[in-house]
PDB file of all heavy atoms in Angstrom:
ATOM      1  N   GLY A   1      14.115  -3.757  -7.302  1.00  0.00           N
ATOM      2  CA  GLY A   1      13.370  -3.772  -8.548  1.00  0.00           C
ATOM      3  C   GLY A   1      12.915  -2.424  -9.044  1.00  0.00           C
ATOM      4  O   GLY A   1      12.125  -2.355  -9.984  1.00  0.00           O
ATOM      5  N   CYS A   2      13.385  -1.341  -8.427  1.00  0.00           N
ATOM      6  CA  CYS A   2      12.905  -0.009  -8.803  1.00  0.00           C
ATOM      7  C   CYS A   2      13.949   0.735  -9.618  1.00  0.00           C
ATOM      8  O   CYS A   2      15.130   0.761  -9.264  1.00  0.00           O
ATOM      9  CB  CYS A   2      12.556   0.808  -7.566  1.00  0.00           C
ATOM     10  SG  CYS A   2      11.791   2.404  -7.954  1.00  0.00           S
ATOM     11  N   ALA A   3      13.497   1.350 -10.704  1.00  0.00           N
ATOM     12  CA  ALA A   3      14.384   2.144 -11.550  1.00  0.00           C
ATOM     13  C   ALA A   3      13.919   3.591 -11.624  1.00  0.00           C
ATOM     14  O   ALA A   3      14.239   4.302 -12.577  1.00  0.00           O
ATOM     15  CB  ALA A   3      14.452   1.546 -12.950  1.00  0.00           C
ATOM     16  N   CYS A   4      13.156   4.051 -10.602  1.00  0.00           N
ATOM     17  CA  CYS A   4      12.753   5.449 -10.568  1.00  0.00           C
ATOM     18  C   CYS A   4      14.013   6.315 -10.465  1.00  0.00           C
ATOM     19  O   CYS A   4      15.081   5.827 -10.091  1.00  0.00           O
ATOM     20  CB  CYS A   4      11.811   5.714  -9.403  1.00  0.00           C
ATOM     21  SG  CYS A   4      12.600   5.759  -7.771  1.00  0.00           S
ATOM     22  N   PRO A   5      13.936   7.583 -10.811  1.00  0.00           N
ATOM     23  CA  PRO A   5      15.142   8.417 -10.802  1.00  0.00           C
ATOM     24  C   PRO A   5      15.891   8.406  -9.465  1.00  0.00           C
ATOM     25  O   PRO A   5      17.115   8.372  -9.433  1.00  0.00           O
ATOM     26  CB  PRO A   5      14.605   9.812 -11.133  1.00  0.00           C
ATOM     27  CG  PRO A   5      13.390   9.546 -11.965  1.00  0.00           C
ATOM     28  CD  PRO A   5      12.772   8.318 -11.368  1.00  0.00           C
ATOM     29  N   ARG A   6      15.165   8.417  -8.357  1.00  0.00           N
ATOM     30  CA  ARG A   6      15.842   8.459  -7.055  1.00  0.00           C
ATOM     31  C   ARG A   6      16.544   7.133  -6.765  1.00  0.00           C
ATOM     32  O   ARG A   6      17.680   7.117  -6.280  1.00  0.00           O
ATOM     33  CB  ARG A   6      14.828   8.792  -5.958  1.00  0.00           C
ATOM     34  CG  ARG A   6      15.455   9.139  -4.628  1.00  0.00           C
ATOM     35  CD  ARG A   6      14.474   9.813  -3.695  1.00  0.00           C
ATOM     36  NE  ARG A   6      14.115  11.138  -4.181  1.00  0.00           N
ATOM     37  CZ  ARG A   6      12.901  11.459  -4.636  1.00  0.00           C
ATOM     38  NH1 ARG A   6      11.931  10.576  -4.656  1.00  0.00           N
ATOM     39  NH2 ARG A   6      12.652  12.681  -5.082  1.00  0.00           N
ATOM     40  N   CYS A   7      15.887   6.015  -7.072  1.00  0.00           N
ATOM     41  CA  CYS A   7      16.529   4.724  -6.852  1.00  0.00           C
ATOM     42  C   CYS A   7      17.672   4.508  -7.839  1.00  0.00           C
ATOM     43  O   CYS A   7      18.733   3.983  -7.471  1.00  0.00           O
ATOM     44  CB  CYS A   7      15.510   3.597  -6.970  1.00  0.00           C
ATOM     45  SG  CYS A   7      14.391   3.479  -5.541  1.00  0.00           S
ATOM     46  N   ALA A   8      17.479   4.922  -9.098  1.00  0.00           N
ATOM     47  CA  ALA A   8      18.547   4.779 -10.083  1.00  0.00           C
ATOM     48  C   ALA A   8      19.787   5.546  -9.650  1.00  0.00           C
ATOM     49  O   ALA A   8      20.924   5.067  -9.789  1.00  0.00           O
ATOM     50  CB  ALA A   8      18.065   5.258 -11.446  1.00  0.00           C
ATOM     51  N   ALA A   9      19.583   6.737  -9.092  1.00  0.00           N
ATOM     52  CA  ALA A   9      20.719   7.533  -8.616  1.00  0.00           C
ATOM     53  C   ALA A   9      21.421   6.837  -7.467  1.00  0.00           C
ATOM     54  O   ALA A   9      22.651   6.857  -7.358  1.00  0.00           O
ATOM     55  CB  ALA A   9      20.238   8.917  -8.195  1.00  0.00           C
ATOM     56  N   ALA A  10      20.656   6.180  -6.607  1.00  0.00           N
ATOM     57  CA  ALA A  10      21.256   5.480  -5.468  1.00  0.00           C
ATOM     58  C   ALA A  10      21.962   4.200  -5.898  1.00  0.00           C
ATOM     59  O   ALA A  10      22.970   3.812  -5.309  1.00  0.00           O
ATOM     60  CB  ALA A  10      20.187   5.178  -4.423  1.00  0.00           C
ATOM     61  N   TRP A  11      21.437   3.538  -6.935  1.00  0.00           N
ATOM     62  CA  TRP A  11      22.154   2.370  -7.469  1.00  0.00           C
ATOM     63  C   TRP A  11      23.508   2.810  -8.025  1.00  0.00           C
ATOM     64  O   TRP A  11      24.522   2.136  -7.849  1.00  0.00           O
ATOM     65  CB  TRP A  11      21.345   1.691  -8.570  1.00  0.00           C
ATOM     66  CG  TRP A  11      20.143   0.907  -8.117  1.00  0.00           C
ATOM     67  CD1 TRP A  11      18.844   1.111  -8.487  1.00  0.00           C
ATOM     68  CD2 TRP A  11      20.122  -0.209  -7.223  1.00  0.00           C
ATOM     69  NE1 TRP A  11      18.016   0.203  -7.866  1.00  0.00           N
ATOM     70  CE2 TRP A  11      18.780  -0.623  -7.089  1.00  0.00           C
ATOM     71  CE3 TRP A  11      21.106  -0.895  -6.502  1.00  0.00           C
ATOM     72  CZ2 TRP A  11      18.395  -1.695  -6.281  1.00  0.00           C
ATOM     73  CZ3 TRP A  11      20.725  -1.975  -5.710  1.00  0.00           C
ATOM     74  CH2 TRP A  11      19.383  -2.359  -5.597  1.00  0.00           C
ATOM     75  N   ALA A  12      23.512   3.952  -8.697  1.00  0.00           N
ATOM     76  CA  ALA A  12      24.745   4.431  -9.324  1.00  0.00           C
ATOM     77  C   ALA A  12      25.720   5.015  -8.307  1.00  0.00           C
ATOM     78  O   ALA A  12      26.943   4.934  -8.491  1.00  0.00           O
ATOM     79  CB  ALA A  12      24.410   5.478 -10.388  1.00  0.00           C
ATOM     80  N   ASP A  13      25.190   5.591  -7.227  1.00  0.00           N
ATOM     81  CA  ASP A  13      26.031   6.249  -6.223  1.00  0.00           C
ATOM     82  C   ASP A  13      25.566   5.829  -4.837  1.00  0.00           C
ATOM     83  O   ASP A  13      24.580   6.365  -4.325  1.00  0.00           O
ATOM     84  CB  ASP A  13      25.938   7.764  -6.377  1.00  0.00           C
ATOM     85  CG  ASP A  13      26.764   8.524  -5.338  1.00  0.00           C
ATOM     86  OD1 ASP A  13      27.506   7.876  -4.573  1.00  0.00           O
ATOM     87  OD2 ASP A  13      26.657   9.768  -5.297  1.00  0.00           O
ATOM     88  N   PRO A  14      26.243   4.873  -4.205  1.00  0.00           N
ATOM     89  CA  PRO A  14      25.812   4.393  -2.884  1.00  0.00           C
ATOM     90  C   PRO A  14      25.694   5.491  -1.833  1.00  0.00           C
ATOM     91  O   PRO A  14      24.976   5.319  -0.848  1.00  0.00           O
ATOM     92  CB  PRO A  14      26.907   3.391  -2.508  1.00  0.00           C
ATOM     93  CG  PRO A  14      27.448   2.915  -3.825  1.00  0.00           C
ATOM     94  CD  PRO A  14      27.383   4.117  -4.725  1.00  0.00           C
ATOM     95  N   ALA A  15      26.360   6.608  -2.053  1.00  0.00           N
ATOM     96  CA  ALA A  15      26.249   7.707  -1.094  1.00  0.00           C
ATOM     97  C   ALA A  15      24.836   8.281  -1.049  1.00  0.00           C
ATOM     98  O   ALA A  15      24.476   8.980  -0.097  1.00  0.00           O
ATOM     99  CB  ALA A  15      27.251   8.807  -1.434  1.00  0.00           C
ATOM    100  N   ARG A  16      24.039   8.001  -2.080  1.00  0.00           N
ATOM    101  CA  ARG A  16      22.667   8.507  -2.127  1.00  0.00           C
ATOM    102  C   ARG A  16      21.657   7.494  -1.597  1.00  0.00           C
ATOM    103  O   ARG A  16      20.452   7.732  -1.643  1.00  0.00           O
ATOM    104  CB  ARG A  16      22.312   8.924  -3.550  1.00  0.00           C
ATOM    105  CG  ARG A  16      23.223  10.021  -4.090  1.00  0.00           C
ATOM    106  CD  ARG A  16      22.719  10.591  -5.387  1.00  0.00           C
ATOM    107  NE  ARG A  16      21.434  11.274  -5.225  1.00  0.00           N
ATOM    108  CZ  ARG A  16      20.808  11.923  -6.205  1.00  0.00           C
ATOM    109  NH1 ARG A  16      21.370  11.998  -7.408  1.00  0.00           N
ATOM    110  NH2 ARG A  16      19.654  12.500  -5.999  1.00  0.00           N
ATOM    111  N   ALA A  17      22.142   6.372  -1.096  1.00  0.00           N
ATOM    112  CA  ALA A  17      21.258   5.373  -0.509  1.00  0.00           C
ATOM    113  C   ALA A  17      20.744   5.853   0.847  1.00  0.00           C
ATOM    114  O   ALA A  17      21.324   6.743   1.471  1.00  0.00           O
ATOM    115  CB  ALA A  17      21.986   4.040  -0.357  1.00  0.00           C
ATOM    116  N   ALA A  18      19.639   5.267   1.280  1.00  0.00           N
ATOM    117  CA  ALA A  18      19.071   5.587   2.597  1.00  0.00           C
ATOM    118  C   ALA A  18      18.579   4.298   3.236  1.00  0.00           C
ATOM    119  O   ALA A  18      17.885   3.507   2.598  1.00  0.00           O
ATOM    120  CB  ALA A  18      17.928   6.595   2.457  1.00  0.00           C
ATOM    121  N   ARG A  19      18.948   4.095   4.485  1.00  0.00           N
ATOM    122  CA  ARG A  19      18.555   2.882   5.183  1.00  0.00           C
ATOM    123  C   ARG A  19      17.191   3.050   5.861  1.00  0.00           C
ATOM    124  O   ARG A  19      16.764   4.169   6.149  1.00  0.00           O
ATOM    125  CB  ARG A  19      19.620   2.515   6.220  1.00  0.00           C
ATOM    126  CG  ARG A  19      20.964   2.187   5.600  1.00  0.00           C
ATOM    127  CD  ARG A  19      22.025   1.829   6.628  1.00  0.00           C
ATOM    128  NE  ARG A  19      22.344   2.933   7.523  1.00  0.00           N
ATOM    129  CZ  ARG A  19      23.359   2.925   8.376  1.00  0.00           C
ATOM    130  NH1 ARG A  19      24.150   1.855   8.452  1.00  0.00           N
ATOM    131  NH2 ARG A  19      23.590   3.968   9.156  1.00  0.00           N
ATOM    132  N   PRO A  20      16.512   1.922   6.130  1.00  0.00           N
ATOM    133  CA  PRO A  20      15.213   2.008   6.810  1.00  0.00           C
ATOM    134  C   PRO A  20      15.321   2.675   8.174  1.00  0.00           C
ATOM    135  O   PRO A  20      16.358   2.614   8.841  1.00  0.00           O
ATOM    136  CB  PRO A  20      14.800   0.536   6.944  1.00  0.00           C
ATOM    137  CG  PRO A  20      15.520  -0.169   5.851  1.00  0.00           C
ATOM    138  CD  PRO A  20      16.834   0.539   5.733  1.00  0.00           C
ATOM    139  N   ALA A  21      14.224   3.288   8.583  1.00  0.00           N
ATOM    140  CA  ALA A  21      14.184   4.053   9.829  1.00  0.00           C
ATOM    141  C   ALA A  21      14.589   3.198  11.022  1.00  0.00           C
ATOM    142  O   ALA A  21      14.044   2.116  11.251  1.00  0.00           O
ATOM    143  CB  ALA A  21      12.786   4.621  10.048  1.00  0.00           C
ATOM    144  N   CYS A  22      15.539   3.707  11.782  1.00  0.00           N
ATOM    145  CA  CYS A  22      16.077   2.984  12.938  1.00  0.00           C
ATOM    146  C   CYS A  22      16.724   3.993  13.868  1.00  0.00           C
ATOM    147  O   CYS A  22      17.360   4.949  13.412  1.00  0.00           O
ATOM    148  CB  CYS A  22      17.108   1.959  12.473  1.00  0.00           C
ATOM    149  SG  CYS A  22      17.919   1.029  13.795  1.00  0.00           S
ATOM    150  N   LEU A  23      16.567   3.766  15.161  1.00  0.00           N
ATOM    151  CA  LEU A  23      17.161   4.651  16.160  1.00  0.00           C
ATOM    152  C   LEU A  23      18.084   3.853  17.069  1.00  0.00           C
ATOM    153  O   LEU A  23      17.734   2.753  17.517  1.00  0.00           O
ATOM    154  CB  LEU A  23      16.062   5.307  17.004  1.00  0.00           C
ATOM    155  CG  LEU A  23      16.501   6.452  17.928  1.00  0.00           C
ATOM    156  CD1 LEU A  23      16.837   7.692  17.107  1.00  0.00           C
ATOM    157  CD2 LEU A  23      15.404   6.765  18.939  1.00  0.00           C
ATOM    158  N   GLY A  24      19.265   4.380  17.316  1.00  0.00           N
ATOM    159  CA  GLY A  24      20.179   3.787  18.277  1.00  0.00           C
ATOM    160  C   GLY A  24      20.244   4.648  19.525  1.00  0.00           C
ATOM    161  O   GLY A  24      20.194   5.879  19.448  1.00  0.00           O
ATOM    162  N   ILE A  25      20.343   4.005  20.677  1.00  0.00           N
ATOM    163  CA  ILE A  25      20.450   4.713  21.950  1.00  0.00           C
ATOM    164  C   ILE A  25      21.734   4.268  22.633  1.00  0.00           C
ATOM    165  O   ILE A  25      22.002   3.067  22.744  1.00  0.00           O
ATOM    166  CB  ILE A  25      19.258   4.405  22.884  1.00  0.00           C
ATOM    167  CG1 ILE A  25      17.927   4.681  22.176  1.00  0.00           C
ATOM    168  CG2 ILE A  25      19.370   5.212  24.172  1.00  0.00           C
ATOM    169  CD1 ILE A  25      17.690   6.120  21.812  1.00  0.00           C
ATOM    170  N   VAL A  26      22.525   5.227  23.085  1.00  0.00           N
ATOM    171  CA  VAL A  26      23.798   4.923  23.750  1.00  0.00           C
ATOM    172  C   VAL A  26      23.798   5.559  25.134  1.00  0.00           C
ATOM    173  O   VAL A  26      23.520   6.752  25.287  1.00  0.00           O
ATOM    174  CB  VAL A  26      24.992   5.470  22.938  1.00  0.00           C
ATOM    175  CG1 VAL A  26      26.305   5.222  23.682  1.00  0.00           C
ATOM    176  CG2 VAL A  26      25.043   4.845  21.549  1.00  0.00           C
ATOM    177  N   ASP A  27      24.104   4.737  26.144  1.00  0.00           N
ATOM    178  CA  ASP A  27      24.374   5.263  27.485  1.00  0.00           C
ATOM    179  C   ASP A  27      25.850   5.628  27.508  1.00  0.00           C
ATOM    180  O   ASP A  27      26.723   4.753  27.459  1.00  0.00           O
ATOM    181  CB  ASP A  27      24.067   4.210  28.544  1.00  0.00           C
ATOM    182  CG  ASP A  27      24.244   4.740  29.966  1.00  0.00           C
ATOM    183  OD1 ASP A  27      25.190   5.523  30.192  1.00  0.00           O
ATOM    184  OD2 ASP A  27      23.457   4.364  30.845  1.00  0.00           O
ATOM    185  N   ASP A  28      26.146   6.908  27.583  1.00  0.00           N
ATOM    186  CA  ASP A  28      27.518   7.363  27.462  1.00  0.00           C
ATOM    187  C   ASP A  28      28.346   7.132  28.719  1.00  0.00           C
ATOM    188  O   ASP A  28      29.544   7.415  28.729  1.00  0.00           O
ATOM    189  CB  ASP A  28      27.533   8.847  27.069  1.00  0.00           C
ATOM    190  CG  ASP A  28      26.959   9.049  25.682  1.00  0.00           C
ATOM    191  OD1 ASP A  28      27.599   8.628  24.716  1.00  0.00           O
ATOM    192  OD2 ASP A  28      25.857   9.591  25.577  1.00  0.00           O
ATOM    193  N   MET A  29      27.727   6.594  29.748  1.00  0.00           N
ATOM    194  CA  MET A  29      28.493   6.214  30.929  1.00  0.00           C
ATOM    195  C   MET A  29      28.860   4.730  30.874  1.00  0.00           C
ATOM    196  O   MET A  29      30.026   4.358  31.021  1.00  0.00           O
ATOM    197  CB  MET A  29      27.706   6.507  32.202  1.00  0.00           C
ATOM    198  CG  MET A  29      28.429   6.048  33.490  1.00  0.00           C
ATOM    199  SD  MET A  29      27.450   6.351  34.989  1.00  0.00           S
ATOM    200  CE  MET A  29      27.571   8.139  35.103  1.00  0.00           C
ATOM    201  N   SER A  30      27.870   3.872  30.628  1.00  0.00           N
ATOM    202  CA  SER A  30      28.117   2.432  30.673  1.00  0.00           C
ATOM    203  C   SER A  30      28.603   1.875  29.343  1.00  0.00           C
ATOM    204  O   SER A  30      29.181   0.794  29.293  1.00  0.00           O
ATOM    205  CB  SER A  30      26.833   1.702  31.079  1.00  0.00           C
ATOM    206  OG  SER A  30      25.865   1.789  30.036  1.00  0.00           O
ATOM    207  N   GLY A  31      28.325   2.592  28.235  1.00  0.00           N
ATOM    208  CA  GLY A  31      28.650   2.078  26.923  1.00  0.00           C
ATOM    209  C   GLY A  31      27.582   1.169  26.347  1.00  0.00           C
ATOM    210  O   GLY A  31      27.687   0.719  25.204  1.00  0.00           O
ATOM    211  N   GLU A  32      26.525   0.887  27.102  1.00  0.00           N
ATOM    212  CA  GLU A  32      25.443   0.036  26.600  1.00  0.00           C
ATOM    213  C   GLU A  32      24.734   0.723  25.442  1.00  0.00           C
ATOM    214  O   GLU A  32      24.567   1.944  25.435  1.00  0.00           O
ATOM    215  CB  GLU A  32      24.456  -0.267  27.718  1.00  0.00           C
ATOM    216  CG  GLU A  32      25.023  -1.134  28.827  1.00  0.00           C
ATOM    217  CD  GLU A  32      24.023  -1.299  29.951  1.00  0.00           C
ATOM    218  OE1 GLU A  32      23.578  -0.261  30.495  1.00  0.00           O
ATOM    219  OE2 GLU A  32      23.691  -2.442  30.289  1.00  0.00           O
ATOM    220  N   ARG A  33      24.306  -0.094  24.486  1.00  0.00           N
ATOM    221  CA  ARG A  33      23.618   0.432  23.307  1.00  0.00           C
ATOM    222  C   ARG A  33      22.364  -0.380  23.039  1.00  0.00           C
ATOM    223  O   ARG A  33      22.365  -1.615  23.185  1.00  0.00           O
ATOM    224  CB  ARG A  33      24.547   0.378  22.082  1.00  0.00           C
ATOM    225  CG  ARG A  33      25.739   1.339  22.229  1.00  0.00           C
ATOM    226  CD  ARG A  33      27.037   0.583  22.019  1.00  0.00           C
ATOM    227  NE  ARG A  33      28.150   1.294  22.675  1.00  0.00           N
ATOM    228  CZ  ARG A  33      28.936   2.152  22.056  1.00  0.00           C
ATOM    229  NH1 ARG A  33      28.775   2.383  20.773  1.00  0.00           N
ATOM    230  NH2 ARG A  33      29.898   2.753  22.704  1.00  0.00           N
ATOM    231  N   TRP A  34      21.327   0.300  22.609  1.00  0.00           N
ATOM    232  CA  TRP A  34      20.068  -0.336  22.237  1.00  0.00           C
ATOM    233  C   TRP A  34      19.673   0.109  20.837  1.00  0.00           C
ATOM    234  O   TRP A  34      19.974   1.224  20.415  1.00  0.00           O
ATOM    235  CB  TRP A  34      18.948   0.064  23.200  1.00  0.00           C
ATOM    236  CG  TRP A  34      19.120  -0.448  24.597  1.00  0.00           C
ATOM    237  CD1 TRP A  34      18.603  -1.589  25.139  1.00  0.00           C
ATOM    238  CD2 TRP A  34      19.854   0.175  25.657  1.00  0.00           C
ATOM    239  NE1 TRP A  34      18.970  -1.724  26.459  1.00  0.00           N
ATOM    240  CE2 TRP A  34      19.750  -0.650  26.794  1.00  0.00           C
ATOM    241  CE3 TRP A  34      20.604   1.343  25.741  1.00  0.00           C
ATOM    242  CZ2 TRP A  34      20.353  -0.341  28.011  1.00  0.00           C
ATOM    243  CZ3 TRP A  34      21.221   1.660  26.951  1.00  0.00           C
ATOM    244  CH2 TRP A  34      21.082   0.827  28.067  1.00  0.00           C
ATOM    245  N   LEU A  35      18.986  -0.774  20.132  1.00  0.00           N
ATOM    246  CA  LEU A  35      18.375  -0.439  18.849  1.00  0.00           C
ATOM    247  C   LEU A  35      16.869  -0.357  19.026  1.00  0.00           C
ATOM    248  O   LEU A  35      16.273  -1.210  19.698  1.00  0.00           O
ATOM    249  CB  LEU A  35      18.688  -1.501  17.791  1.00  0.00           C
ATOM    250  CG  LEU A  35      20.081  -1.495  17.178  1.00  0.00           C
ATOM    251  CD1 LEU A  35      20.279  -2.747  16.343  1.00  0.00           C
ATOM    252  CD2 LEU A  35      20.289  -0.244  16.329  1.00  0.00           C
ATOM    253  N   ILE A  36      16.267   0.641  18.424  1.00  0.00           N
ATOM    254  CA  ILE A  36      14.815   0.661  18.314  1.00  0.00           C
ATOM    255  C   ILE A  36      14.485   0.335  16.872  1.00  0.00           C
ATOM    256  O   ILE A  36      14.773   1.106  15.949  1.00  0.00           O
ATOM    257  CB  ILE A  36      14.219   2.014  18.735  1.00  0.00           C
ATOM    258  CG1 ILE A  36      14.606   2.321  20.183  1.00  0.00           C
ATOM    259  CG2 ILE A  36      12.701   1.987  18.577  1.00  0.00           C
ATOM    260  CD1 ILE A  36      13.978   3.554  20.752  1.00  0.00           C
ATOM    261  N   ASP A  37      13.953  -0.869  16.694  1.00  0.00           N
ATOM    262  CA  ASP A  37      13.639  -1.541  15.442  1.00  0.00           C
ATOM    263  C   ASP A  37      14.873  -2.225  14.856  1.00  0.00           C
ATOM    264  O   ASP A  37      15.999  -1.715  14.952  1.00  0.00           O
ATOM    265  CB  ASP A  37      12.983  -0.612  14.428  1.00  0.00           C
ATOM    266  CG  ASP A  37      11.521  -0.336  14.780  1.00  0.00           C
ATOM    267  OD1 ASP A  37      10.886  -1.226  15.390  1.00  0.00           O
ATOM    268  OD2 ASP A  37      11.014   0.750  14.471  1.00  0.00           O
ATOM    269  N   ALA A  38      14.621  -3.412  14.330  1.00  0.00           N
ATOM    270  CA  ALA A  38      15.661  -4.243  13.710  1.00  0.00           C
ATOM    271  C   ALA A  38      15.319  -4.362  12.234  1.00  0.00           C
ATOM    272  O   ALA A  38      14.470  -5.160  11.844  1.00  0.00           O
ATOM    273  CB  ALA A  38      15.709  -5.620  14.375  1.00  0.00           C
ATOM    274  N   THR A  39      15.962  -3.563  11.411  1.00  0.00           N
ATOM    275  CA  THR A  39      15.579  -3.402  10.017  1.00  0.00           C
ATOM    276  C   THR A  39      16.329  -4.371   9.106  1.00  0.00           C
ATOM    277  O   THR A  39      17.273  -5.048   9.534  1.00  0.00           O
ATOM    278  CB  THR A  39      15.843  -1.963   9.536  1.00  0.00           C
ATOM    279  OG1 THR A  39      17.213  -1.850   9.105  1.00  0.00           O
ATOM    280  CG2 THR A  39      15.563  -0.937  10.621  1.00  0.00           C
ATOM    281  N   PRO A  40      15.968  -4.413   7.818  1.00  0.00           N
ATOM    282  CA  PRO A  40      16.750  -5.213   6.868  1.00  0.00           C
ATOM    283  C   PRO A  40      18.204  -4.762   6.756  1.00  0.00           C
ATOM    284  O   PRO A  40      19.041  -5.520   6.264  1.00  0.00           O
ATOM    285  CB  PRO A  40      15.998  -5.015   5.544  1.00  0.00           C
ATOM    286  CG  PRO A  40      14.592  -4.732   5.949  1.00  0.00           C
ATOM    287  CD  PRO A  40      14.723  -3.905   7.196  1.00  0.00           C
ATOM    288  N   ALA A  41      18.510  -3.557   7.208  1.00  0.00           N
ATOM    289  CA  ALA A  41      19.889  -3.052   7.203  1.00  0.00           C
ATOM    290  C   ALA A  41      20.562  -3.261   8.554  1.00  0.00           C
ATOM    291  O   ALA A  41      21.524  -2.571   8.896  1.00  0.00           O
ATOM    292  CB  ALA A  41      19.897  -1.568   6.836  1.00  0.00           C
ATOM    293  N   PHE A  42      20.102  -4.240   9.319  1.00  0.00           N
ATOM    294  CA  PHE A  42      20.616  -4.492  10.666  1.00  0.00           C
ATOM    295  C   PHE A  42      22.138  -4.584  10.734  1.00  0.00           C
ATOM    296  O   PHE A  42      22.749  -3.978  11.627  1.00  0.00           O
ATOM    297  CB  PHE A  42      19.983  -5.776  11.211  1.00  0.00           C
ATOM    298  CG  PHE A  42      20.416  -6.140  12.598  1.00  0.00           C
ATOM    299  CD1 PHE A  42      19.728  -5.676  13.702  1.00  0.00           C
ATOM    300  CD2 PHE A  42      21.508  -6.976  12.809  1.00  0.00           C
ATOM    301  CE1 PHE A  42      20.118  -6.021  14.993  1.00  0.00           C
ATOM    302  CE2 PHE A  42      21.908  -7.328  14.091  1.00  0.00           C
ATOM    303  CZ  PHE A  42      21.209  -6.853  15.181  1.00  0.00           C
ATOM    304  N   PRO A  43      22.819  -5.311   9.835  1.00  0.00           N
ATOM    305  CA  PRO A  43      24.275  -5.421   9.975  1.00  0.00           C
ATOM    306  C   PRO A  43      24.988  -4.072   9.986  1.00  0.00           C
ATOM    307  O   PRO A  43      25.824  -3.803  10.866  1.00  0.00           O
ATOM    308  CB  PRO A  43      24.691  -6.274   8.769  1.00  0.00           C
ATOM    309  CG  PRO A  43      23.486  -7.107   8.481  1.00  0.00           C
ATOM    310  CD  PRO A  43      22.328  -6.185   8.737  1.00  0.00           C
ATOM    311  N   SER A  44      24.673  -3.207   9.024  1.00  0.00           N
ATOM    312  CA  SER A  44      25.385  -1.932   8.965  1.00  0.00           C
ATOM    313  C   SER A  44      24.940  -0.990  10.073  1.00  0.00           C
ATOM    314  O   SER A  44      25.742  -0.210  10.609  1.00  0.00           O
ATOM    315  CB  SER A  44      25.191  -1.268   7.595  1.00  0.00           C
ATOM    316  OG  SER A  44      23.846  -0.899   7.373  1.00  0.00           O
TER     317      SER A  44
END
């Protein structure tokens, strides 16, 4: 619902979008991965 200049630019150009804060952790030996926080952008 936002049409501020920054959001309008991101609507027009998806490359300017930003996802909610989230951290991924990878164990480079086992391949196991963890997420810190499960955001509305969880799928991507």
